Protein backbone atom coordinates (compact mmCIF):
# COMPACT_ATOMS: atom_id res chain seq x y z
CA UNK A 1 -33.44 -23.00 30.44
CA UNK A 2 -29.94 -22.67 31.91
CA UNK A 3 -29.09 -23.23 35.59
CA UNK A 4 -29.48 -19.61 36.66
CA UNK A 5 -32.84 -19.31 34.92
CA UNK A 6 -33.98 -22.59 36.47
CA UNK A 7 -33.08 -21.62 40.04
CA UNK A 8 -34.68 -18.19 39.51
CA UNK A 9 -37.90 -19.89 38.41
CA UNK A 10 -37.79 -22.37 41.30
CA UNK A 11 -37.23 -19.71 43.97
CA UNK A 12 -40.05 -17.59 42.56
CA UNK A 13 -42.42 -20.50 43.15
CA UNK A 14 -41.22 -22.06 46.40
CA UNK A 15 -40.47 -18.86 48.35
CA UNK A 16 -43.74 -16.92 48.21
CA UNK A 17 -45.03 -17.41 51.73
CA UNK A 18 -46.84 -20.09 53.74
CA UNK A 19 -50.01 -20.02 51.62
CA UNK A 20 -48.80 -19.10 48.14
CA UNK A 21 -45.64 -21.20 47.79
CA UNK A 22 -45.88 -23.87 45.10
CA UNK A 23 -44.28 -27.28 44.82
CA UNK A 24 -41.88 -28.16 42.03
CA UNK A 25 -41.51 -31.38 40.08
CA UNK A 26 -39.13 -34.23 40.82
CA UNK A 27 -37.06 -33.33 37.75
CA UNK A 28 -36.87 -29.65 38.69
CA UNK A 29 -35.71 -30.47 42.21
CA UNK A 30 -33.10 -32.86 40.78
CA UNK A 31 -31.82 -30.26 38.30
CA UNK A 32 -31.85 -27.50 40.91
CA UNK A 33 -29.78 -29.61 43.30
CA UNK A 34 -27.44 -30.61 40.47
CA UNK A 35 -26.84 -26.93 39.69
CA UNK A 36 -25.96 -26.26 43.34
CA UNK A 37 -23.60 -29.25 43.44
CA UNK A 38 -21.99 -28.01 40.21
CA UNK A 39 -21.29 -24.68 41.94
CA UNK A 40 -23.33 -22.92 39.25
CA UNK A 41 -25.54 -21.16 41.83
CA UNK A 42 -24.31 -18.53 44.26
CA UNK A 43 -24.50 -19.19 47.98
CA UNK A 44 -27.38 -16.78 48.61
CA UNK A 45 -29.66 -18.47 46.09
CA UNK A 46 -28.55 -21.94 47.18
CA UNK A 47 -29.41 -21.07 50.78
CA UNK A 48 -32.81 -19.67 49.76
CA UNK A 49 -33.50 -22.87 47.82
CA UNK A 50 -32.81 -25.04 50.89
CA UNK A 51 -34.60 -22.78 53.39
CA UNK A 52 -37.68 -22.20 51.24
CA UNK A 53 -38.00 -25.92 50.56
CA UNK A 54 -37.93 -26.58 54.26
CA UNK A 55 -40.37 -23.82 55.21
CA UNK A 56 -43.03 -24.89 52.72
CA UNK A 57 -42.27 -28.57 53.53
CA UNK A 58 -40.75 -30.75 50.85
CA UNK A 59 -43.00 -33.06 48.85
CA UNK A 60 -42.03 -36.67 48.26
CA UNK A 61 -41.15 -35.85 44.63
CA UNK A 62 -38.88 -33.03 45.80
CA UNK A 63 -37.16 -35.28 48.32
CA UNK A 64 -36.64 -37.95 45.68
CA UNK A 65 -35.33 -35.47 43.11
CA UNK A 66 -32.75 -34.08 45.51
CA UNK A 67 -31.69 -37.57 46.62
CA UNK A 68 -31.29 -38.61 42.96
CA UNK A 69 -29.04 -35.62 42.33
CA UNK A 70 -26.83 -36.59 45.28
CA UNK A 71 -26.64 -40.24 44.22
CA UNK A 72 -25.65 -39.24 40.69
CA UNK A 73 -22.73 -37.26 42.12
CA UNK A 74 -21.60 -39.93 44.59
CA UNK A 75 -19.03 -42.65 44.10
CA UNK A 76 -20.44 -46.13 44.63
CA UNK A 77 -19.05 -49.65 44.67
CA UNK A 78 -20.55 -53.12 44.78
CA UNK A 79 -19.28 -55.16 47.71
CA UNK A 80 -18.92 -58.94 47.46
CA UNK A 81 -21.26 -59.81 50.34
CA UNK A 82 -24.79 -61.17 50.23
CA UNK A 83 -26.36 -58.85 52.83
CA UNK A 84 -24.92 -55.48 53.80
CA UNK A 85 -26.33 -53.37 56.64
CA UNK A 86 -26.20 -49.63 55.93
CA UNK A 87 -26.48 -47.63 59.18
CA UNK A 88 -27.83 -44.14 58.55
CA UNK A 89 -27.49 -42.21 61.79
CA UNK A 90 -27.96 -38.40 61.63
CA UNK A 91 -24.83 -36.72 60.27
CA UNK A 92 -25.17 -33.78 62.65
CA UNK A 93 -24.31 -36.05 65.58
CA UNK A 94 -25.34 -36.18 69.23
CA UNK A 95 -25.39 -33.35 71.74
CA UNK A 96 -27.59 -34.75 74.54
CA UNK A 97 -26.62 -38.40 74.81
CA UNK A 98 -23.74 -40.81 74.28
CA UNK A 99 -23.67 -42.40 70.79
CA UNK A 100 -23.87 -46.17 70.99
CA UNK A 101 -24.27 -47.00 67.30
CA UNK A 102 -20.61 -46.31 66.46
CA UNK A 103 -19.95 -49.79 67.87
CA UNK A 104 -22.86 -51.50 66.18
CA UNK A 105 -21.03 -52.42 62.91
CA UNK A 106 -18.34 -54.66 64.49
CA UNK A 107 -21.03 -56.38 66.56
CA UNK A 108 -23.21 -56.98 63.49
CA UNK A 109 -20.28 -58.49 61.59
CA UNK A 110 -19.72 -60.99 64.39
CA UNK A 111 -23.40 -61.86 64.03
CA UNK A 112 -22.84 -62.59 60.35
CA UNK A 113 -23.92 -59.23 58.93
CA UNK A 114 -21.27 -57.05 57.23
CA UNK A 115 -21.99 -53.37 57.84
CA UNK A 116 -21.15 -49.86 56.72
CA UNK A 117 -21.68 -46.63 58.65
CA UNK A 118 -21.16 -43.16 57.22
CA UNK A 119 -21.10 -39.51 58.21
CA UNK A 120 -18.88 -36.46 58.43
CA UNK A 121 -16.98 -34.43 61.00
CA UNK A 122 -19.51 -31.75 61.98
CA UNK A 123 -22.55 -30.03 60.49
CA UNK A 124 -25.66 -28.06 61.46
CA UNK A 125 -28.09 -28.04 63.08
CA UNK A 126 -26.64 -29.87 66.10
CA UNK A 127 -22.86 -29.80 65.57
CA UNK A 128 -22.84 -32.81 67.89
CA UNK A 129 -20.45 -35.65 68.55
CA UNK A 130 -20.14 -37.76 65.39
CA UNK A 131 -19.00 -41.26 64.46
CA UNK A 132 -15.98 -39.81 62.69
CA UNK A 133 -14.82 -38.13 65.90
CA UNK A 134 -15.26 -41.35 67.88
CA UNK A 135 -13.35 -43.42 65.32
CA UNK A 136 -10.56 -40.85 65.36
CA UNK A 137 -10.36 -41.32 69.14
CA UNK A 138 -9.88 -45.03 68.44
CA UNK A 139 -7.05 -44.21 66.00
CA UNK A 140 -9.03 -45.70 63.10
CA UNK A 141 -8.57 -44.33 59.60
CA UNK A 142 -11.52 -42.05 58.86
CA UNK A 143 -10.63 -40.87 55.36
CA UNK A 144 -10.79 -44.18 53.54
CA UNK A 145 -11.50 -44.01 49.83
CA UNK A 146 -14.60 -45.82 48.61
CA UNK A 147 -12.40 -48.60 47.27
CA UNK A 148 -10.57 -49.03 50.59
CA UNK A 149 -13.86 -49.08 52.51
CA UNK A 150 -15.11 -51.78 50.14
CA UNK A 151 -11.98 -53.87 50.78
CA UNK A 152 -12.40 -53.55 54.56
CA UNK A 153 -15.89 -54.99 54.35
CA UNK A 154 -14.76 -57.81 52.05
CA UNK A 155 -11.91 -58.62 54.45
CA UNK A 156 -13.35 -61.42 56.58
CA UNK A 157 -11.28 -60.47 59.61
CA UNK A 158 -12.79 -56.95 59.62
CA UNK A 159 -16.12 -56.98 57.76
CA UNK A 160 -17.21 -53.39 58.39
CA UNK A 161 -16.18 -49.85 57.55
CA UNK A 162 -16.79 -46.18 58.20
CA UNK A 163 -16.85 -44.00 55.09
CA UNK A 164 -16.84 -40.22 55.19
CA UNK A 165 -18.99 -38.00 53.02
CA UNK A 166 -15.85 -36.11 51.96
CA UNK A 167 -14.75 -39.32 50.23
CA UNK A 168 -17.89 -40.55 48.52
CA UNK A 169 -19.57 -37.23 47.59
CA UNK A 170 -17.13 -34.33 47.58
CA UNK A 171 -19.61 -31.88 46.03
CA UNK A 172 -22.14 -32.47 48.81
CA UNK A 173 -19.45 -32.23 51.48
CA UNK A 174 -18.36 -28.89 49.99
CA UNK A 175 -21.77 -27.52 51.04
CA UNK A 176 -21.04 -28.01 54.77
CA UNK A 177 -19.95 -24.36 55.32
CA UNK A 178 -23.14 -23.14 53.62
CA UNK A 179 -25.29 -25.53 55.65
CA UNK A 180 -23.64 -24.26 58.82
CA UNK A 181 -24.57 -20.70 57.87
CA UNK A 182 -28.17 -21.76 57.16
CA UNK A 183 -28.15 -23.12 60.76
CA UNK A 184 -31.46 -24.99 60.61
CA UNK A 185 -32.15 -28.51 59.35
CA UNK A 186 -32.71 -28.77 55.57
CA UNK A 187 -33.72 -31.46 53.10
CA UNK A 188 -30.05 -32.47 52.94
CA UNK A 189 -30.23 -33.69 56.54
CA UNK A 190 -33.17 -35.90 55.52
CA UNK A 191 -31.74 -37.51 52.39
CA UNK A 192 -27.95 -37.66 52.80
CA UNK A 193 -28.02 -40.82 54.93
CA UNK A 194 -29.79 -42.68 52.10
CA UNK A 195 -27.15 -42.31 49.38
CA UNK A 196 -25.65 -45.74 50.07
CA UNK A 197 -22.18 -45.55 48.49
CA UNK A 198 -21.48 -49.25 49.19
CA UNK A 199 -23.87 -51.98 48.06
CA UNK A 200 -23.98 -55.71 48.66
CA UNK A 201 -26.07 -58.18 46.69
CA UNK A 202 -28.85 -57.07 49.08
CA UNK A 203 -28.38 -53.85 51.02
CA UNK A 204 -30.59 -53.01 53.99
CA UNK A 205 -30.99 -49.45 55.26
CA UNK A 206 -31.30 -48.97 59.03
CA UNK A 207 -32.48 -45.49 60.01
CA UNK A 208 -33.66 -43.67 63.10
CA UNK A 209 -36.46 -41.14 63.43
CA UNK A 210 -38.06 -38.84 66.00
CA UNK A 211 -41.15 -37.38 64.31
CA UNK A 212 -43.90 -39.81 63.33
CA UNK A 213 -44.21 -38.51 59.75
CA UNK A 214 -40.78 -39.82 58.77
CA UNK A 215 -41.04 -43.66 58.56
CA UNK A 216 -43.02 -43.72 55.27
CA UNK A 217 -40.82 -40.95 53.87
CA UNK A 218 -37.64 -42.86 54.68
CA UNK A 219 -39.13 -46.08 53.32
CA UNK A 220 -39.97 -44.50 49.97
CA UNK A 221 -36.55 -42.84 49.72
CA UNK A 222 -34.83 -46.12 50.59
CA UNK A 223 -36.73 -47.86 47.82
CA UNK A 224 -35.82 -45.16 45.29
CA UNK A 225 -32.20 -45.38 46.40
CA UNK A 226 -32.18 -49.11 45.63
CA UNK A 227 -32.16 -50.64 49.11
CA UNK A 228 -33.66 -54.11 49.40
CA UNK A 229 -35.31 -53.25 52.71
CA UNK A 230 -35.43 -50.56 55.36
CA UNK A 231 -35.78 -50.68 59.13
CA UNK A 232 -36.93 -47.42 60.68
CA UNK A 233 -36.49 -47.17 64.46
CA UNK A 234 -37.75 -44.51 66.81
CA UNK A 235 -34.37 -43.82 68.36
CA UNK A 236 -32.55 -41.51 70.72
CA UNK A 237 -31.76 -38.20 68.96
CA UNK A 238 -32.96 -39.75 65.71
CA UNK A 239 -30.44 -42.59 65.95
CA UNK A 240 -30.91 -46.32 65.34
CA UNK A 241 -30.75 -47.06 69.09
CA UNK A 242 -34.17 -47.04 70.83
CA UNK A 243 -34.95 -45.72 74.28
CA UNK A 244 -33.82 -48.12 76.99
CA UNK A 245 -36.63 -47.05 79.33
CA UNK A 246 -39.87 -47.03 77.35
CA UNK A 247 -41.55 -48.87 74.53
CA UNK A 248 -40.25 -48.06 71.07
CA UNK A 249 -41.90 -48.23 67.65
CA UNK A 250 -40.15 -50.03 64.78
CA UNK A 251 -41.21 -50.23 61.14
CA UNK A 252 -39.95 -52.99 58.86
CA UNK A 253 -40.27 -52.31 55.12
CA UNK A 254 -39.45 -54.41 52.07
CA UNK A 255 -39.49 -52.54 48.75
CA UNK A 256 -41.54 -49.76 50.39
CA UNK A 257 -44.20 -52.18 51.63
CA UNK A 258 -44.76 -52.11 55.38
CA UNK A 259 -44.21 -55.69 56.49
CA UNK A 260 -44.15 -55.18 60.24
CA UNK A 261 -44.97 -52.42 62.70
CA UNK A 262 -44.10 -53.34 66.26
CA UNK A 263 -44.01 -51.56 69.60
CA UNK A 264 -41.24 -53.18 71.60
CA UNK A 265 -40.71 -53.03 75.34
CA UNK A 266 -37.00 -53.24 76.26
CA UNK A 267 -37.99 -55.16 79.39
CA UNK A 268 -39.00 -58.05 77.12
CA UNK A 269 -35.33 -58.70 76.37
CA UNK A 270 -34.11 -58.14 79.90
CA UNK A 271 -33.23 -54.44 79.72
CA UNK A 272 -34.14 -52.66 82.97
CA UNK A 273 -33.30 -48.95 82.90
CA UNK A 274 -34.60 -45.82 84.57
CA UNK A 275 -32.99 -43.69 81.85
CA UNK A 276 -33.66 -43.45 78.11
CA UNK A 277 -29.98 -43.21 77.20
CA UNK A 278 -26.54 -42.44 78.61
CA UNK A 279 -26.34 -38.71 79.23
CA UNK A 280 -23.26 -36.74 78.25
CA UNK A 281 -21.42 -35.91 81.50
CA UNK A 282 -21.85 -32.24 82.42
CA UNK A 283 -18.10 -31.69 82.56
CA UNK A 284 -17.77 -32.92 78.95
CA UNK A 285 -20.54 -30.83 77.41
CA UNK A 286 -19.70 -28.25 74.74
CA UNK A 287 -17.64 -28.13 71.56
CA UNK A 288 -14.39 -27.44 73.44
CA UNK A 289 -14.60 -30.84 75.11
CA UNK A 290 -15.37 -32.77 71.93
CA UNK A 291 -12.05 -34.68 71.74
CA UNK A 292 -12.21 -35.68 75.41
CA UNK A 293 -15.85 -36.76 75.01
CA UNK A 294 -14.97 -38.83 71.93
CA UNK A 295 -12.30 -40.68 73.92
CA UNK A 296 -14.77 -41.23 76.76
CA UNK A 297 -17.29 -42.78 74.33
CA UNK A 298 -14.55 -44.85 72.69
CA UNK A 299 -13.67 -46.37 76.08
CA UNK A 300 -17.32 -47.09 76.91
CA UNK A 301 -17.85 -48.74 73.54
CA UNK A 302 -14.79 -50.94 73.71
CA UNK A 303 -15.74 -52.04 77.22
CA UNK A 304 -19.25 -52.95 76.04
CA UNK A 305 -17.84 -55.00 73.14
CA UNK A 306 -15.63 -56.72 75.71
CA UNK A 307 -18.77 -57.85 77.54
CA UNK A 308 -19.05 -55.21 80.27
CA UNK A 309 -22.70 -54.92 81.31
CA UNK A 310 -24.35 -51.53 81.47
CA UNK A 311 -26.40 -49.10 79.40
CA UNK A 312 -23.94 -49.07 76.50
CA UNK A 313 -24.07 -52.87 76.36
CA UNK A 314 -27.88 -52.70 76.51
CA UNK A 315 -28.04 -50.19 73.66
CA UNK A 316 -25.98 -52.45 71.42
CA UNK A 317 -28.02 -55.47 72.48
CA UNK A 318 -31.32 -53.75 71.72
CA UNK A 319 -30.41 -52.28 68.33
CA UNK A 320 -28.68 -55.41 67.03
CA UNK A 321 -31.60 -57.60 68.16
CA UNK A 322 -34.08 -55.43 66.27
CA UNK A 323 -31.96 -55.69 63.10
CA UNK A 324 -31.87 -59.51 63.36
CA UNK A 325 -35.64 -59.45 63.82
CA UNK A 326 -36.10 -57.23 60.77
CA UNK A 327 -34.07 -59.59 58.58
CA UNK A 328 -35.93 -62.59 60.03
CA UNK A 329 -32.67 -64.24 61.05
CA UNK A 330 -34.39 -65.11 64.32
CA UNK A 331 -38.11 -65.73 64.85
CA UNK A 332 -38.51 -63.18 67.65
CA UNK A 333 -36.68 -60.27 69.18
CA UNK A 334 -36.24 -62.30 72.36
CA UNK A 335 -34.47 -65.09 70.45
CA UNK A 336 -32.43 -62.49 68.60
CA UNK A 337 -31.40 -60.88 71.89
CA UNK A 338 -30.13 -64.20 73.22
CA UNK A 339 -27.90 -64.56 70.18
CA UNK A 340 -26.61 -60.98 70.48
CA UNK A 341 -26.01 -61.33 74.21
CA UNK A 342 -23.92 -64.46 73.64
CA UNK A 343 -21.68 -62.57 71.17
CA UNK A 344 -21.28 -59.57 73.50
CA UNK A 345 -20.46 -61.80 76.47
CA UNK A 346 -17.85 -63.68 74.45
CA UNK A 347 -16.00 -60.37 73.73
CA UNK A 348 -15.06 -61.61 70.24
CA UNK A 349 -16.51 -58.53 68.48
CA UNK A 350 -13.83 -56.30 69.98
CA UNK A 351 -11.30 -57.88 67.61
CA UNK A 352 -13.20 -56.38 64.68
CA UNK A 353 -12.26 -52.93 65.95
CA UNK A 354 -8.65 -53.72 66.81
CA UNK A 355 -8.07 -55.18 63.32
CA UNK A 356 -7.25 -51.91 61.54
C-alpha cells in the first residue's frame, strides 16, 4: 500500500462520526504521519487526518506512533552531562499570563542541573508569547543548530540552551502554516514537546498539564521517547510553573511508573500570593504588542534572577524546587526551596544568561 492509499484507508476509518470512527494501529499512525512529513499527502487530507484524530480522541498507540514518526525525522545529539532537564512547555505559548519558565534553565544550571528548553515562534491554537520571542528580546541566538545547542550545554559557563523546532525537525516545522489553518489543538500539540533532540546520560522530561487525563499519557510518551523520568506539573496555561495561589498536583514518574503523587501548597515554601500568576498587562495584550511584551517579560525575568522578590521570583522558586524534589536531590520540597532561594538571592544565575 503506497502513501496515498494508506492515508485514504486511514481517513475512511477515523473520520466516520462520533460513534462509527475506528482507531488505527501504532504502525499505521506512524506511517501516516511519516507520509505527511514527507510531503506525500496534500494539505486537505493532512488536515483531515489531524482533525479526525482529535475529534475521535487519539488512542495511546496512535499518540506513540505519531511521536515515533517525529523522532525519526528529528536531529538528535548526545550531550556530555550526567543529568539533563528537558523543559517541555506548550509550543503555542502564553496569552493570559506572563511566562516564567523561560528563565528556569539558567537557574537550574546554577543548581547543578544542565537544561534545554525548546519551542518555535508562533503556532495555533493560542498564538501566544513564546520562549523564542522572549530570548530574542534578550538578544540571544534563537536559531542555534543542534550541534551548537549541544556545545552551549557542555560549556560549563553556560550550561543551558534554547533550541528551535525549525532546527531540529524541519519537516514538522514546515507544518506550522497548515496547523494554523486547522486552528484547533491537534495531536502534534500533545507530542511535539516530547521529541527530546538533546540527551544526556539521563534525561528528565518536565511537562505541564491542565486536564487531569494527561499525566499518564505524558508519562507513557516520555518512556517511549527514551526519557529516564518525567515530572508532570499542573501548571499555569499548561506550563511547568504551578499556581502561586492554590495547591497544585505533581506526578513523579520513573520509566512510566508513578513514584510520587503530591498535592503541594505554595504556602509551605513561603509563597503568599492572592493571584495564580502574573497577568499580562492590558496595554500589552494582543499580537501587535508581542515585541513590547517580550521585552517586558525579559526585564522581569532578569530582575528575578538578580534576586528581586516578587511573583516572578516565586514562580522560579516553586518550579525549580519541585524539580529538585522530583530528582531527590533534596529530601523535601521545603529543603529544596531553601537551596533555590539561596541561589536566587545570590544573583549568580543571571550570569548564565549574559554569557552568550
